[in-house]
Amino acid sequence: MNTPAAPGAVQTGMALPGLVIAVAMIVDTLLYAELPLYHDDFGLSLAMVGVLLSLNRWIRLFANSGVAAIGERVGPHRLMVAAAIGSIVSTTLYGLIESSAVQIAARILWGISYAALNLATLAYAVSDRANAGKRVGTSRAAIGLVQAMSLVGGAWIVLQVGPRSVFVISGALTLVSLGAALMLPRLPREPVAHGKGFRLPIPHRLEVWGFVMGFSSDGVFLLTLAFLLKDSITSVAAVMATAALLALRWLVEITTGPLGGWIGDRFGARRIAIANGTLLVGGFVLIALGRIGVSSILDLGLLRADRRQSIAATATAAGLGVRLHFVDVDPAERWRRVEGRNHDRGETFRLAVTRPMFDFIETIWQPPDAGEMAALNGVRVMPRG
């Protein structure tokens, strides 16, 4: 749905369109951090979690062309308003109704709403075609800023009021997107071609490319990341840790969005898309090197035997070999090293560990016994001297 600049055409900055889509996206982003960790609170199986998180992308794959056709008839302003209303409804349904069917309906509604938000935002961006790339990049940076703040803030709210209530609260906050959408200026509608009749919404290859990129990066990879964090740290901290990592991803987009838009204006969107895809695939290849003989190290405390066994079982099921490295240091030496870190506060220092904290950890620490060492091909590492 392109709206090229023309004499007398209405142009607008990207602050309002960016605000609409950024606020509407808050809950969708938070779902990736929360749903894998609290699926029981929603009465969902892990399989259903995977379905829900991927469903909106499948919907958008086939809905984009249909939504674009609607946008040509009603204009970007009405499309944006309708999408904001859809995001409010879908957000509120997540928290109010515990039903797989309702959750699926909410995700379908969000998928259609997000397709409309994207296309309407693009229409406002290309109202100044000469600077379209820069305007899209600026919009993405604004979206990234809101998402980073809402991820951390949303995770904190989850810890205070619970995983379901946060969606009701977010539904109220999403009203901001509707207010911003209503304030947008109206762009002229494009001429609509008549007489073509109904045609199935067959995805364009660009839509397929976007689906594959998003499904692999925002879907499979982030879902796996949430599960890994759940198994490696306490359940209370997992949602905050996952949210912080996802916020870091958005912070990167804040810094690179405007630059990417400028590069797109200068060199063309096709080259940028190819470069981004290449970098993403390269990153996945590096992660997957452990599958072809390059060893990976999971450097965690793993205080309890059941956690170690859980991670070992997951790795074994994936066809990976496991070896446990046990750094066998007596408590007195460990405390001496902790005191040294507390004093030196080097580059990796994050928290001063007090003696009561240290003593508490000692009460839950379960050193691996001979049977566990044998089962996990263990290696005992002794301190020097």
Protein backbone atom coordinates (compact mmCIF):
# COMPACT_ATOMS: atom_id res chain seq x y z
CA MET A 1 0.00 0.00 0.00
CA ASN A 2 2.24 2.79 -1.24
CA THR A 3 1.36 6.44 -1.05
CA PRO A 4 3.94 8.36 -3.08
CA ALA A 5 4.52 12.01 -2.43
CA ALA A 6 2.66 14.30 -4.73
CA PRO A 7 1.97 18.02 -4.90
CA GLY A 8 -0.54 18.86 -2.19
CA ALA A 9 -0.20 15.42 -0.54
CA VAL A 10 -0.40 15.33 3.24
CA GLN A 11 2.90 14.48 4.89
CA THR A 12 3.42 13.70 8.56
CA GLY A 13 6.27 12.86 10.85
CA MET A 14 6.76 9.29 12.02
CA ALA A 15 6.31 9.97 15.74
CA LEU A 16 2.56 9.24 15.84
CA PRO A 17 2.56 6.21 13.48
CA GLY A 18 5.57 4.85 15.39
CA LEU A 19 3.79 5.36 18.71
CA VAL A 20 0.69 3.51 17.52
CA ILE A 21 2.53 0.38 16.43
CA ALA A 22 5.01 0.49 19.33
CA VAL A 23 2.34 0.58 22.03
CA ALA A 24 0.17 -1.98 20.22
CA MET A 25 3.15 -4.38 20.08
CA ILE A 26 3.91 -4.29 23.82
CA VAL A 27 2.01 -7.45 24.75
CA ASP A 28 3.05 -9.44 21.69
CA THR A 29 6.69 -8.84 22.63
CA LEU A 30 6.08 -9.70 26.29
CA LEU A 31 4.40 -12.97 25.30
CA TYR A 32 7.72 -14.39 24.11
CA ALA A 33 9.27 -13.77 27.52
CA GLU A 34 6.28 -14.84 29.61
CA LEU A 35 4.24 -17.57 27.92
CA PRO A 36 6.94 -20.31 27.80
CA LEU A 37 7.62 -19.79 31.52
CA TYR A 38 4.04 -19.45 32.81
CA HIS A 39 2.08 -21.61 30.39
CA ASP A 40 0.47 -23.53 33.28
CA ASP A 41 -1.10 -20.31 34.56
CA PHE A 42 -2.89 -19.97 31.22
CA GLY A 43 -3.91 -23.64 31.10
CA LEU A 44 -1.74 -24.22 28.03
CA SER A 45 0.55 -27.07 27.07
CA LEU A 46 4.02 -26.40 25.73
CA ALA A 47 2.83 -27.53 22.31
CA MET A 48 0.05 -24.94 22.42
CA VAL A 49 2.59 -22.29 23.43
CA GLY A 50 4.49 -23.01 20.22
CA VAL A 51 1.27 -22.83 18.21
CA LEU A 52 0.22 -19.51 19.74
CA LEU A 53 3.58 -17.81 19.37
CA SER A 54 3.88 -18.79 15.72
CA LEU A 55 0.22 -18.41 14.76
CA ASN A 56 0.25 -14.66 14.20
CA ARG A 57 3.10 -15.04 11.68
CA TRP A 58 1.20 -17.67 9.73
CA ILE A 59 -1.85 -15.40 9.71
CA ARG A 60 0.17 -12.42 8.50
CA LEU A 61 1.75 -14.49 5.75
CA PHE A 62 -1.66 -14.90 4.13
CA ALA A 63 -3.40 -11.77 5.46
CA ASN A 64 -0.99 -9.11 4.20
CA SER A 65 -2.37 -8.96 0.67
CA GLY A 66 -5.98 -8.95 1.88
CA VAL A 67 -5.27 -6.23 4.44
CA ALA A 68 -3.48 -4.20 1.76
CA ALA A 69 -6.56 -4.42 -0.46
CA ILE A 70 -8.74 -3.19 2.41
CA GLY A 71 -6.27 -0.38 3.08
CA GLU A 72 -6.51 0.81 -0.51
CA ARG A 73 -10.24 1.23 -0.06
CA VAL A 74 -10.45 2.73 3.43
CA GLY A 75 -7.11 4.57 3.60
CA PRO A 76 -4.19 4.31 6.05
CA HIS A 77 -5.91 6.36 8.78
CA ARG A 78 -8.95 4.10 9.14
CA LEU A 79 -6.76 1.03 8.77
CA MET A 80 -4.55 2.21 11.63
CA VAL A 81 -7.53 2.95 13.89
CA ALA A 82 -9.07 -0.47 13.22
CA ALA A 83 -5.72 -2.17 13.91
CA ALA A 84 -5.32 -0.31 17.21
CA ILE A 85 -8.78 -1.49 18.29
CA GLY A 86 -7.87 -5.06 17.31
CA SER A 87 -4.69 -4.92 19.38
CA ILE A 88 -6.62 -3.69 22.43
CA VAL A 89 -9.16 -6.51 22.16
CA SER A 90 -6.57 -9.25 21.60
CA THR A 91 -4.40 -7.99 24.46
CA THR A 92 -7.28 -7.97 26.92
CA LEU A 93 -8.46 -11.45 25.90
CA TYR A 94 -5.07 -12.92 26.85
CA GLY A 95 -5.62 -11.97 30.48
CA LEU A 96 -9.37 -12.35 30.91
CA ILE A 97 -10.29 -15.72 29.44
CA GLU A 98 -8.53 -19.03 30.11
CA SER A 99 -9.39 -20.96 26.97
CA SER A 100 -7.17 -22.30 24.20
CA ALA A 101 -9.82 -21.46 21.61
CA VAL A 102 -10.04 -17.85 22.81
CA GLN A 103 -6.25 -17.54 22.94
CA ILE A 104 -6.06 -18.80 19.35
CA ALA A 105 -8.74 -16.31 18.28
CA ALA A 106 -6.84 -13.51 20.03
CA ARG A 107 -3.61 -14.42 18.22
CA ILE A 108 -5.41 -14.52 14.87
CA LEU A 109 -6.88 -11.09 15.59
CA TRP A 110 -3.45 -9.79 16.55
CA GLY A 111 -1.88 -11.23 13.39
CA ILE A 112 -4.39 -9.35 11.22
CA SER A 113 -4.03 -6.20 13.34
CA TYR A 114 -0.25 -6.26 13.11
CA ALA A 115 -0.39 -6.69 9.34
CA ALA A 116 -2.60 -3.59 9.20
CA LEU A 117 -0.31 -1.65 11.55
CA ASN A 118 2.74 -2.46 9.44
CA LEU A 119 1.12 -1.52 6.15
CA ALA A 120 -0.42 1.69 7.47
CA THR A 121 2.87 2.75 9.07
CA LEU A 122 4.63 2.09 5.78
CA ALA A 123 2.06 4.24 3.97
CA TYR A 124 2.83 7.16 6.26
CA ALA A 125 6.58 6.57 5.82
CA VAL A 126 6.46 6.65 2.02
CA SER A 127 4.34 9.79 1.97
CA ASP A 128 7.82 11.31 1.71
CA ARG A 129 9.25 8.80 -0.73
CA ALA A 130 12.70 10.40 -1.03
CA ASN A 131 13.31 9.80 2.68
CA ALA A 132 11.21 6.67 3.11
CA GLY A 133 14.07 4.48 4.30
CA LYS A 134 15.19 7.02 6.89
CA ARG A 135 11.61 7.46 8.10
CA VAL A 136 11.08 3.70 8.42
CA GLY A 137 14.38 3.41 10.31
CA THR A 138 13.38 6.18 12.69
CA SER A 139 10.04 4.49 13.27
CA ARG A 140 11.77 1.18 14.04
CA ALA A 141 14.06 2.91 16.51
CA ALA A 142 11.07 4.41 18.31
CA ILE A 143 9.40 0.99 18.37
CA GLY A 144 12.57 -0.56 19.79
CA LEU A 145 12.75 2.00 22.59
CA VAL A 146 9.17 1.33 23.69
CA GLN A 147 9.61 -2.44 23.44
CA ALA A 148 12.82 -2.45 25.49
CA MET A 149 11.20 -0.44 28.28
CA SER A 150 7.96 -2.42 28.22
CA LEU A 151 9.75 -5.78 28.33
CA VAL A 152 11.60 -4.98 31.53
CA GLY A 153 8.64 -3.12 33.01
CA GLY A 154 6.22 -5.87 32.00
CA ALA A 155 8.42 -8.56 33.55
CA TRP A 156 8.51 -6.55 36.78
CA ILE A 157 4.70 -6.28 36.74
CA VAL A 158 4.47 -10.05 36.21
CA LEU A 159 6.49 -10.59 39.38
CA GLN A 160 4.22 -8.18 41.30
CA VAL A 161 0.70 -9.08 40.15
CA GLY A 162 1.05 -12.37 38.27
CA PRO A 163 1.28 -13.43 34.62
CA ARG A 164 -2.41 -13.07 33.75
CA SER A 165 -3.07 -9.68 35.31
CA VAL A 166 -0.26 -8.05 33.34
CA PHE A 167 -2.26 -8.49 30.13
CA VAL A 168 -5.32 -6.75 31.56
CA ILE A 169 -3.09 -3.85 32.64
CA SER A 170 -1.42 -3.82 29.23
CA GLY A 171 -4.82 -3.81 27.54
CA ALA A 172 -5.58 -0.53 29.30
CA LEU A 173 -2.17 0.88 28.32
CA THR A 174 -2.81 -0.09 24.70
CA LEU A 175 -5.60 2.50 24.62
CA VAL A 176 -2.78 4.98 24.02
CA SER A 177 -2.30 3.47 20.56
CA LEU A 178 -5.94 4.14 19.71
CA GLY A 179 -5.65 7.76 20.83
CA ALA A 180 -2.53 8.25 18.72
CA ALA A 181 -4.18 6.60 15.71
CA LEU A 182 -7.17 8.93 15.92
CA MET A 183 -4.80 11.92 15.88
CA LEU A 184 -3.12 10.86 12.62
CA PRO A 185 -3.80 12.96 9.52
CA ARG A 186 -5.69 11.37 6.67
CA LEU A 187 -3.66 10.46 3.61
CA PRO A 188 -5.30 10.35 0.18
CA ARG A 189 -6.47 6.91 -0.81
CA GLU A 190 -4.93 5.21 -3.79
CA PRO A 191 -7.01 4.55 -6.89
CA VAL A 192 -8.64 1.14 -6.65
CA ALA A 193 -8.58 -1.10 -9.70
CA HIS A 194 -12.03 -2.56 -10.42
CA GLY A 195 -13.11 -5.62 -12.28
CA LYS A 196 -10.41 -8.00 -11.12
CA GLY A 197 -12.79 -10.11 -9.04
CA PHE A 198 -11.86 -12.18 -6.02
CA ARG A 199 -8.40 -13.74 -5.90
CA LEU A 200 -6.87 -15.89 -3.18
CA PRO A 201 -4.29 -14.00 -1.09
CA ILE A 202 -1.15 -15.73 -2.34
CA PRO A 203 1.90 -14.52 -0.38
CA HIS A 204 4.48 -12.50 -2.27
CA ARG A 205 8.07 -13.80 -2.09
CA LEU A 206 8.98 -10.79 0.05
CA GLU A 207 6.29 -11.81 2.54
CA VAL A 208 7.60 -15.38 2.54
CA TRP A 209 11.13 -14.07 3.18
CA GLY A 210 9.89 -11.94 6.08
CA PHE A 211 7.97 -14.89 7.51
CA VAL A 212 10.97 -17.21 7.42
CA MET A 213 13.25 -14.61 8.99
CA GLY A 214 10.79 -13.77 11.74
CA PHE A 215 9.76 -17.38 12.40
CA SER A 216 13.37 -18.45 12.89
CA SER A 217 14.64 -15.44 14.87
CA ASP A 218 11.63 -14.23 16.87
CA GLY A 219 9.98 -17.63 17.03
CA VAL A 220 12.10 -20.76 17.34
CA PHE A 221 15.24 -19.08 18.66
CA LEU A 222 13.55 -16.91 21.31
CA LEU A 223 11.30 -19.75 22.47
CA THR A 224 14.32 -21.99 22.92
CA LEU A 225 16.13 -19.21 24.76
CA ALA A 226 13.26 -18.86 27.25
CA PHE A 227 13.29 -22.60 27.96
CA LEU A 228 17.06 -22.56 28.52
CA LEU A 229 16.78 -19.71 30.99
CA LYS A 230 13.96 -21.48 32.80
CA ASP A 231 16.17 -24.53 33.30
CA SER A 232 19.25 -22.58 34.35
CA ILE A 233 18.02 -20.05 36.90
CA THR A 234 15.19 -19.74 39.40
CA SER A 235 11.65 -19.48 38.05
CA VAL A 236 11.23 -16.01 39.57
CA ALA A 237 14.27 -14.58 37.82
CA ALA A 238 13.69 -16.35 34.50
CA VAL A 239 11.04 -13.96 33.19
CA MET A 240 13.17 -10.93 34.05
CA ALA A 241 16.30 -12.49 32.52
CA THR A 242 14.46 -13.41 29.33
CA ALA A 243 12.90 -9.96 29.11
CA ALA A 244 16.29 -8.31 29.60
CA LEU A 245 17.82 -10.34 26.76
CA LEU A 246 14.92 -9.53 24.44
CA ALA A 247 15.20 -5.87 25.44
CA LEU A 248 18.87 -5.98 24.46
CA ARG A 249 17.81 -7.12 21.00
CA TRP A 250 15.49 -4.11 20.71
CA LEU A 251 18.18 -1.76 21.97
CA VAL A 252 20.37 -2.92 19.10
CA GLU A 253 17.53 -2.03 16.72
CA ILE A 254 17.31 1.44 18.29
CA THR A 255 20.93 2.14 17.38
CA THR A 256 20.90 0.49 13.96
CA GLY A 257 17.37 1.42 12.76
CA PRO A 258 18.06 4.99 11.58
CA LEU A 259 21.43 3.96 10.15
CA GLY A 260 19.83 1.04 8.31
CA GLY A 261 17.17 3.35 6.90
CA TRP A 262 19.82 5.76 5.62
CA ILE A 263 21.77 2.87 4.04
CA GLY A 264 18.54 1.61 2.48
CA ASP A 265 17.87 5.00 0.90
CA ARG A 266 21.43 5.08 -0.43
CA PHE A 267 22.00 1.51 -1.59
CA GLY A 268 18.51 0.02 -1.89
CA ALA A 269 16.40 -2.16 0.38
CA ARG A 270 17.28 -5.34 -1.53
CA ARG A 271 20.96 -5.18 -0.60
CA ILE A 272 20.14 -4.46 3.03
CA ALA A 273 17.74 -7.41 3.15
CA ILE A 274 20.36 -9.75 1.70
CA ALA A 275 22.99 -8.50 4.16
CA ASN A 276 20.65 -8.91 7.13
CA GLY A 277 19.66 -12.40 6.05
CA THR A 278 23.29 -13.37 5.61
CA LEU A 279 24.21 -12.12 9.08
CA LEU A 280 21.27 -13.94 10.68
CA VAL A 281 22.10 -17.22 8.95
CA GLY A 282 25.75 -16.78 9.90
CA GLY A 283 24.80 -16.34 13.54
CA PHE A 284 22.67 -19.49 13.49
CA VAL A 285 25.53 -21.38 11.85
CA LEU A 286 27.87 -20.36 14.65
CA ILE A 287 25.33 -21.52 17.24
CA ALA A 288 24.86 -24.82 15.42
CA LEU A 289 28.57 -25.61 15.22
CA GLY A 290 28.17 -27.68 18.36
CA ARG A 291 26.17 -30.12 16.22
CA ILE A 292 29.13 -30.83 13.96
CA GLY A 293 31.86 -31.50 16.47
CA VAL A 294 32.68 -28.05 17.83
CA SER A 295 32.28 -28.23 21.60
CA SER A 296 30.12 -25.74 23.50
CA ILE A 297 30.40 -24.86 27.18
CA LEU A 298 27.36 -24.22 29.36
CA ASP A 299 28.92 -22.17 32.16
CA LEU A 300 26.35 -22.16 34.97
CA GLY A 301 26.32 -22.82 38.70
CA LEU A 302 23.97 -25.84 38.43
CA LEU A 303 23.72 -26.13 42.19
CA ARG A 304 21.27 -29.03 42.32
CA ALA A 305 21.63 -32.51 40.93
CA ASP A 306 18.14 -32.47 39.39
CA ARG A 307 18.97 -29.36 37.33
CA ARG A 308 22.16 -30.95 36.05
CA GLN A 309 20.28 -34.12 35.13
CA SER A 310 17.54 -32.12 33.36
CA ILE A 311 20.01 -30.23 31.17
CA ALA A 312 22.00 -33.40 30.47
CA ALA A 313 18.81 -35.22 29.42
CA THR A 314 17.86 -32.37 27.06
CA ALA A 315 21.30 -32.40 25.45
CA THR A 316 21.32 -36.19 25.14
CA ALA A 317 17.87 -36.19 23.54
CA ALA A 318 19.25 -33.73 20.96
CA GLY A 319 22.05 -36.14 20.12
CA LEU A 320 24.77 -34.19 21.92
CA GLY A 321 27.46 -35.64 24.12
CA VAL A 322 27.67 -34.35 27.70
CA ARG A 323 30.62 -33.95 30.02
CA LEU A 324 30.34 -32.48 33.51
CA HIS A 325 33.27 -30.40 34.76
CA PHE A 326 33.27 -30.21 38.57
CA VAL A 327 35.50 -27.48 40.00
CA ASP A 328 36.19 -29.01 43.41
CA VAL A 329 37.12 -26.14 45.74
CA ASP A 330 36.60 -26.23 49.51
CA PRO A 331 34.24 -23.61 51.05
CA ALA A 332 37.05 -21.64 52.72
CA GLU A 333 38.85 -21.12 49.40
CA ARG A 334 35.60 -20.24 47.62
CA TRP A 335 34.82 -17.58 50.21
CA ARG A 336 38.33 -16.18 49.90
CA ARG A 337 37.79 -15.80 46.13
CA VAL A 338 34.38 -14.20 46.66
CA GLU A 339 35.92 -11.66 49.04
CA GLY A 340 38.54 -10.91 46.41
CA ARG A 341 35.87 -10.23 43.77
CA ASN A 342 33.92 -8.07 46.21
CA HIS A 343 37.04 -6.03 46.81
CA ASP A 344 38.47 -5.81 43.27
CA ARG A 345 35.16 -5.26 41.44
CA GLY A 346 36.54 -6.06 38.01
CA GLU A 347 34.79 -5.80 34.64
CA THR A 348 32.54 -8.83 35.28
CA PHE A 349 31.50 -7.70 38.80
CA ARG A 350 27.75 -7.29 39.23
CA LEU A 351 26.84 -7.94 42.87
CA ALA A 352 28.60 -7.95 46.24
CA VAL A 353 28.03 -11.38 47.80
CA THR A 354 27.69 -11.19 51.58
CA ARG A 355 28.61 -13.96 53.98
CA PRO A 356 24.95 -14.81 54.76
CA MET A 357 24.27 -15.08 51.02
CA PHE A 358 27.29 -17.34 50.60
CA ASP A 359 26.25 -19.53 53.54
CA PHE A 360 22.74 -19.89 52.17
CA ILE A 361 24.05 -21.10 48.81
CA GLU A 362 26.13 -23.67 50.69
CA THR A 363 22.93 -25.15 52.15
CA ILE A 364 21.44 -25.86 48.69
CA TRP A 365 24.68 -26.83 46.90
CA GLN A 366 24.71 -30.55 45.99
CA PRO A 367 28.20 -31.70 44.93
CA PRO A 368 28.09 -34.46 42.30
CA ASP A 369 28.72 -37.91 43.76
CA ALA A 370 30.65 -40.70 42.12
CA GLY A 371 27.56 -42.06 40.39
CA GLU A 372 26.70 -38.71 38.79
CA MET A 373 30.29 -38.13 37.72
CA ALA A 374 30.36 -41.51 36.02
CA ALA A 375 26.96 -41.01 34.35
CA LEU A 376 27.92 -37.59 32.96
CA ASN A 377 31.47 -38.50 31.96
CA GLY A 378 32.60 -36.10 34.66
CA VAL A 379 35.95 -34.41 35.04
CA ARG A 380 37.07 -33.20 38.48
CA VAL A 381 39.05 -29.92 38.32
CA MET A 382 41.24 -29.32 41.35
CA PRO A 383 42.65 -25.89 42.33
CA ARG A 384 46.35 -25.33 41.75
CA GLY A 385 48.67 -25.69 44.73
